[in-house]
Amino acid sequence: MNTTQAKKIPLKEILARLGFEPIRSFKGGEELAYLSPFRKEAEPSLFVNIRKNVWNDFGDIGGNALDFVLRYRNTDVRGALEFLDTLFGSGYVLTAKLQAANPSVKPTPNKESIFLLDSTLPLGTGAPSLVAYITEQRRINPEIAGKYLKEVRFSNRDTGKSYFAAGFENISGGYEIRNPFFKSSLGAKDMSLVKGKGDGMEVWIFEGFLDFLSKLTLLGSTTTPADCLVLNSVSYSEKAIQFIKSKGYTNIKGYLDDDRAGDDTTQKFKTEFGSTFIDLRPEYQGFKDFNDLLTQKSK
């Protein structure tokens, strides 16, 4: 994706994928009002003009779609483009370009819509290679894997071919799926929440479900003393912030990836929650994430 393409992505869609919905609309829906993502407020001060695809925050700045991502992510152009590629996928811009040139061209379904969920079974029901991938390659404790993962069967709507993967359910009933060759999601994409044994005042935040399962494996336990929120994508960080606030957690621990995206997301939580948030990435310092630590220790 380049800067010209990024500027053409509808701001409404960017905001929606970040978990923001308009509070009010004006001018027959041409202008939308949002609560600003840059501060806490009760009345909306960020306005998006749908036709012009520009935004204006009366307490901040404004601009085009790329300007918004630069401000929202507090990054440079390269970082903003990488974030948009993650948020929309490489096929999004190509589809939009084809439609602009030929309105009769229908949008190409993304991976999540091409693949259809057929069934879910206990892990290991009919795919021993999948168990081997999770327990031998990823080094997840078999008992822990069996408790939290399903053997998900799905098919390609275009070819009719069937596949299987390990599935981790999210709060919207969809699944994050993994096998040795494939990483995607089925159904509605969302965060996942696993309740802990504690008093409900502490939450641990993970970027992916393999890190959550790796933490349990390293603890030698099938449960945790805290609730665990798995983002399944750093693009859900803003939604996670609102969820954490709604639950009133007083102790928030972050186990994000030790990379640029993890740095940005960790900083966002620090800014929002202050001393209530604790960055615990030093537990796997020198490794990208918990699963990297687990697999390297196993070797």
Protein backbone atom coordinates (compact mmCIF):
# COMPACT_ATOMS: atom_id res chain seq x y z
CA MET A 1 0.00 0.00 0.00
CA ASN A 2 1.28 3.48 -0.81
CA THR A 3 0.31 6.90 0.50
CA THR A 4 -2.10 7.66 -2.35
CA GLN A 5 -3.95 4.41 -1.74
CA ALA A 6 -4.01 4.94 2.03
CA LYS A 7 -5.65 8.35 1.67
CA LYS A 8 -8.51 6.79 -0.31
CA ILE A 9 -9.52 4.30 2.40
CA PRO A 10 -12.85 5.49 3.89
CA LEU A 11 -12.29 7.04 7.30
CA LYS A 12 -15.59 5.58 8.46
CA GLU A 13 -14.25 2.09 7.81
CA ILE A 14 -10.93 2.79 9.53
CA LEU A 15 -12.76 4.02 12.63
CA ALA A 16 -15.13 1.06 12.58
CA ARG A 17 -12.27 -1.45 12.48
CA LEU A 18 -10.67 0.35 15.41
CA GLY A 19 -13.89 -0.07 17.39
CA PHE A 20 -15.33 3.45 17.02
CA GLU A 21 -18.92 4.11 15.99
CA PRO A 22 -20.47 7.52 15.24
CA ILE A 23 -22.50 9.17 17.98
CA ARG A 24 -24.47 11.45 15.67
CA SER A 25 -24.87 12.17 11.95
CA PHE A 26 -25.57 15.41 10.08
CA LYS A 27 -26.35 16.57 6.57
CA GLY A 28 -28.26 13.45 5.66
CA GLY A 29 -25.46 11.17 6.92
CA GLU A 30 -22.73 12.97 4.98
CA GLU A 31 -21.05 14.08 8.21
CA LEU A 32 -20.50 11.84 11.24
CA ALA A 33 -19.58 12.82 14.80
CA TYR A 34 -17.38 10.63 17.02
CA LEU A 35 -16.03 10.77 20.53
CA SER A 36 -12.39 11.69 20.03
CA PRO A 37 -9.98 8.73 20.37
CA PHE A 38 -7.30 11.16 21.52
CA ARG A 39 -8.79 12.01 24.94
CA LYS A 40 -11.68 11.30 27.26
CA GLU A 41 -14.84 13.26 26.51
CA ALA A 42 -18.60 13.07 26.92
CA GLU A 43 -19.53 15.03 23.79
CA PRO A 44 -18.20 14.21 20.30
CA SER A 45 -15.60 16.58 18.89
CA LEU A 46 -14.24 14.56 15.98
CA PHE A 47 -16.17 14.97 12.73
CA VAL A 48 -15.78 12.99 9.51
CA ASN A 49 -17.03 14.19 6.14
CA ILE A 50 -17.92 11.03 4.22
CA ARG A 51 -17.97 12.64 0.76
CA LYS A 52 -14.61 14.40 1.12
CA ASN A 53 -13.14 11.63 3.32
CA VAL A 54 -11.55 14.08 5.74
CA TRP A 55 -11.70 14.48 9.51
CA ASN A 56 -11.51 17.41 11.89
CA ASP A 57 -11.02 17.18 15.63
CA PHE A 58 -11.92 20.50 17.24
CA GLY A 59 -9.69 19.73 20.19
CA ASP A 60 -6.78 18.51 18.10
CA ILE A 61 -6.05 18.58 14.34
CA GLY A 62 -7.54 17.08 11.17
CA GLY A 63 -6.72 15.86 7.69
CA ASN A 64 -7.13 12.87 5.41
CA ALA A 65 -7.24 9.14 6.20
CA LEU A 66 -3.45 8.78 6.31
CA ASP A 67 -3.17 11.83 8.59
CA PHE A 68 -5.60 10.18 11.00
CA VAL A 69 -3.54 6.99 11.22
CA LEU A 70 -0.33 8.99 11.68
CA ARG A 71 -1.93 10.82 14.60
CA TYR A 72 -3.73 7.82 16.06
CA ARG A 73 -0.72 5.51 15.99
CA ASN A 74 1.81 8.28 16.77
CA THR A 75 4.05 6.89 14.06
CA ASP A 76 5.70 7.80 10.77
CA VAL A 77 4.37 7.21 7.24
CA ARG A 78 5.97 3.79 6.97
CA GLY A 79 4.47 2.72 10.29
CA ALA A 80 1.05 4.03 9.27
CA LEU A 81 1.11 2.12 5.97
CA GLU A 82 2.18 -1.09 7.73
CA PHE A 83 -0.66 -0.65 10.21
CA LEU A 84 -3.21 -0.16 7.43
CA ASP A 85 -1.93 -3.26 5.64
CA THR A 86 -2.46 -5.20 8.86
CA LEU A 87 -5.88 -3.66 9.43
CA PHE A 88 -7.27 -4.20 5.92
CA GLY A 89 -5.07 -6.78 4.22
CA SER A 90 -3.17 -6.41 0.98
CA GLY A 91 -6.21 -7.26 -1.14
CA TYR A 92 -8.31 -4.34 0.09
CA VAL A 93 -6.69 -1.62 -2.02
CA LEU A 94 -6.65 -3.79 -5.15
CA THR A 95 -10.38 -4.46 -4.85
CA ALA A 96 -11.12 -0.76 -4.30
CA LYS A 97 -9.01 0.17 -7.35
CA LEU A 98 -10.82 -2.33 -9.57
CA GLN A 99 -14.20 -1.10 -8.42
CA ALA A 100 -13.26 2.53 -9.11
CA ALA A 101 -12.19 1.62 -12.63
CA ASN A 102 -15.17 -0.68 -13.23
CA PRO A 103 -18.18 -0.32 -10.90
CA SER A 104 -19.53 -3.65 -12.11
CA VAL A 105 -16.63 -5.49 -10.45
CA LYS A 106 -17.84 -7.06 -7.23
CA PRO A 107 -15.68 -6.93 -4.10
CA THR A 108 -13.43 -9.95 -3.67
CA PRO A 109 -14.22 -11.70 -0.36
CA ASN A 110 -11.37 -11.69 2.12
CA LYS A 111 -10.04 -14.91 3.64
CA GLU A 112 -12.53 -14.77 6.49
CA SER A 113 -15.51 -14.69 4.12
CA ILE A 114 -14.10 -17.20 1.60
CA PHE A 115 -13.71 -19.86 4.29
CA LEU A 116 -16.84 -21.33 5.83
CA LEU A 117 -17.03 -23.02 9.22
CA ASP A 118 -18.27 -26.61 8.88
CA SER A 119 -17.90 -28.06 12.38
CA THR A 120 -15.97 -27.92 15.65
CA LEU A 121 -14.72 -31.02 17.46
CA PRO A 122 -12.53 -31.73 20.49
CA LEU A 123 -8.89 -31.18 19.62
CA GLY A 124 -7.33 -34.38 18.29
CA THR A 125 -10.57 -36.02 17.20
CA GLY A 126 -9.42 -36.74 13.68
CA ALA A 127 -6.23 -34.78 13.00
CA PRO A 128 -3.19 -36.07 14.95
CA SER A 129 -0.91 -33.85 12.87
CA LEU A 130 -2.73 -30.82 14.27
CA VAL A 131 -2.09 -31.97 17.84
CA ALA A 132 1.56 -32.49 16.96
CA TYR A 133 1.76 -28.94 15.60
CA ILE A 134 0.31 -27.45 18.81
CA THR A 135 2.06 -29.66 21.37
CA GLU A 136 5.37 -30.54 19.68
CA GLN A 137 6.11 -27.58 17.41
CA ARG A 138 4.46 -24.89 19.53
CA ARG A 139 5.20 -26.75 22.80
CA ILE A 140 1.79 -26.15 24.39
CA ASN A 141 0.90 -28.52 27.22
CA PRO A 142 -1.57 -31.10 25.79
CA GLU A 143 -4.01 -30.75 28.69
CA ILE A 144 -4.06 -26.96 28.29
CA ALA A 145 -4.43 -27.22 24.52
CA GLY A 146 -7.34 -29.64 24.89
CA LYS A 147 -9.14 -27.35 27.30
CA TYR A 148 -9.00 -24.15 25.24
CA LEU A 149 -8.74 -25.24 21.60
CA LYS A 150 -11.12 -26.94 19.20
CA GLU A 151 -10.45 -28.91 16.05
CA VAL A 152 -12.13 -26.64 13.52
CA ARG A 153 -13.24 -28.00 10.16
CA PHE A 154 -13.82 -25.46 7.39
CA SER A 155 -14.09 -25.28 3.63
CA ASN A 156 -13.38 -22.91 0.76
CA ARG A 157 -16.65 -21.71 -0.74
CA ASP A 158 -15.05 -21.32 -4.19
CA THR A 159 -13.18 -24.62 -4.51
CA GLY A 160 -15.14 -26.82 -2.11
CA LYS A 161 -11.89 -28.07 -0.55
CA SER A 162 -11.96 -28.89 3.18
CA TYR A 163 -9.35 -28.02 5.80
CA PHE A 164 -8.76 -28.29 9.53
CA ALA A 165 -7.06 -26.07 12.09
CA ALA A 166 -6.82 -25.41 15.81
CA GLY A 167 -9.49 -22.88 16.75
CA PHE A 168 -9.67 -20.46 19.67
CA GLU A 169 -13.13 -18.94 20.19
CA ASN A 170 -13.66 -15.19 20.57
CA ILE A 171 -16.40 -13.24 22.35
CA SER A 172 -18.45 -12.93 19.14
CA GLY A 173 -18.54 -16.66 18.48
CA GLY A 174 -15.89 -16.63 15.75
CA TYR A 175 -12.59 -18.49 15.82
CA GLU A 176 -8.95 -17.57 15.46
CA ILE A 177 -7.46 -20.51 13.57
CA ARG A 178 -3.94 -21.92 13.15
CA ASN A 179 -2.38 -24.91 11.48
CA PRO A 180 1.20 -25.48 10.28
CA PHE A 181 0.53 -23.62 7.02
CA PHE A 182 -2.28 -21.20 7.73
CA LYS A 183 -3.23 -18.34 10.04
CA SER A 184 -6.61 -16.61 9.80
CA SER A 185 -10.03 -16.36 11.42
CA LEU A 186 -13.49 -17.79 10.84
CA GLY A 187 -16.76 -15.98 11.38
CA ALA A 188 -16.83 -12.71 13.29
CA LYS A 189 -13.36 -11.49 14.28
CA ASP A 190 -13.07 -10.16 17.83
CA MET A 191 -11.18 -10.35 21.11
CA SER A 192 -11.31 -13.41 23.36
CA LEU A 193 -11.92 -13.41 27.12
CA VAL A 194 -11.01 -16.22 29.51
CA LYS A 195 -12.22 -15.85 33.09
CA GLY A 196 -9.68 -16.44 35.84
CA LYS A 197 -10.02 -17.80 39.37
CA GLY A 198 -9.49 -14.45 41.09
CA ASP A 199 -11.79 -11.68 42.29
CA GLY A 200 -12.30 -10.26 38.81
CA MET A 201 -10.23 -7.13 39.48
CA GLU A 202 -7.12 -8.19 37.55
CA VAL A 203 -6.72 -8.74 33.81
CA TRP A 204 -3.80 -10.01 31.73
CA ILE A 205 -3.58 -8.83 28.11
CA PHE A 206 -2.11 -11.03 25.37
CA GLU A 207 -1.74 -10.31 21.66
CA GLY A 208 -2.45 -13.86 20.44
CA PHE A 209 -3.89 -17.06 21.85
CA LEU A 210 -0.62 -19.01 21.50
CA ASP A 211 0.98 -16.55 23.93
CA PHE A 212 -1.90 -17.06 26.38
CA LEU A 213 -1.52 -20.86 26.14
CA SER A 214 2.27 -20.54 26.43
CA LYS A 215 1.91 -18.54 29.64
CA LEU A 216 -0.30 -21.26 31.11
CA THR A 217 2.18 -23.92 29.99
CA LEU A 218 5.05 -22.08 31.66
CA LEU A 219 2.93 -21.67 34.82
CA GLY A 220 2.10 -25.38 34.75
CA SER A 221 -1.59 -24.61 35.25
CA THR A 222 -4.80 -24.85 33.23
CA THR A 223 -6.14 -21.67 34.83
CA THR A 224 -4.87 -18.24 35.90
CA PRO A 225 -5.62 -16.09 38.93
CA ALA A 226 -6.66 -13.26 36.63
CA ASP A 227 -9.03 -12.77 33.72
CA CYS A 228 -7.19 -12.99 30.39
CA LEU A 229 -8.03 -10.78 27.42
CA VAL A 230 -6.57 -11.96 24.10
CA LEU A 231 -6.65 -9.18 21.50
CA ASN A 232 -6.25 -11.48 18.47
CA SER A 233 -5.07 -8.31 16.69
CA VAL A 234 -3.47 -5.10 17.95
CA SER A 235 -6.13 -3.26 15.96
CA TYR A 236 -8.51 -4.14 18.82
CA SER A 237 -6.50 -2.18 21.39
CA GLU A 238 -8.99 0.68 21.54
CA LYS A 239 -11.88 -1.73 21.95
CA ALA A 240 -9.89 -3.49 24.67
CA ILE A 241 -9.39 -0.20 26.50
CA GLN A 242 -13.12 0.46 26.52
CA PHE A 243 -13.82 -3.11 27.66
CA ILE A 244 -11.31 -2.88 30.51
CA LYS A 245 -12.87 0.38 31.66
CA SER A 246 -16.36 -1.12 31.58
CA LYS A 247 -15.25 -4.03 33.79
CA GLY A 248 -13.49 -1.79 36.31
CA TYR A 249 -10.23 -3.76 36.48
CA THR A 250 -7.82 -2.24 38.98
CA ASN A 251 -4.74 -4.27 38.04
CA ILE A 252 -3.82 -4.56 34.34
CA LYS A 253 -0.82 -6.57 33.12
CA GLY A 254 0.42 -6.45 29.55
CA TYR A 255 2.10 -9.34 27.74
CA LEU A 256 2.29 -7.83 24.25
CA ASP A 257 4.82 -8.80 21.59
CA ASP A 258 8.31 -7.40 21.91
CA ASP A 259 8.25 -5.64 18.54
CA ARG A 260 7.21 -2.30 17.09
CA ALA A 261 3.49 -3.04 17.12
CA GLY A 262 3.81 -4.33 20.68
CA ASP A 263 5.67 -1.18 21.68
CA ASP A 264 2.94 1.04 20.24
CA THR A 265 0.13 -0.94 21.85
CA THR A 266 1.89 -1.11 25.21
CA GLN A 267 2.40 2.65 25.15
CA LYS A 268 -1.29 3.14 24.38
CA PHE A 269 -2.27 1.14 27.47
CA LYS A 270 0.31 2.99 29.58
CA THR A 271 -1.04 6.34 28.46
CA GLU A 272 -4.63 5.32 29.14
CA PHE A 273 -4.24 3.53 32.49
CA GLY A 274 -1.07 5.01 34.01
CA SER A 275 0.35 3.10 36.97
CA THR A 276 -2.59 0.68 36.89
CA PHE A 277 -0.99 -0.88 33.81
CA ILE A 278 2.19 -2.96 34.20
CA ASP A 279 4.31 -3.93 31.20
CA LEU A 280 5.55 -7.47 31.89
CA ARG A 281 7.41 -8.06 28.65
CA PRO A 282 10.68 -8.29 30.65
CA GLU A 283 9.50 -11.82 31.56
CA TYR A 284 10.45 -12.87 28.02
CA GLN A 285 13.15 -10.31 27.30
CA GLY A 286 15.21 -11.34 24.28
CA PHE A 287 12.27 -13.19 22.73
CA LYS A 288 9.47 -11.92 20.51
CA ASP A 289 6.67 -13.28 22.70
CA PHE A 290 5.79 -16.01 25.20
CA ASN A 291 5.55 -18.73 22.57
CA ASP A 292 8.98 -17.81 21.23
CA LEU A 293 10.33 -18.12 24.78
CA LEU A 294 8.59 -21.46 25.29
CA THR A 295 9.77 -23.01 22.04
CA GLN A 296 13.35 -21.81 22.45
CA LYS A 297 13.51 -23.08 26.05
CA SER A 298 12.23 -26.44 24.88
CA LYS A 299 15.04 -26.69 22.33
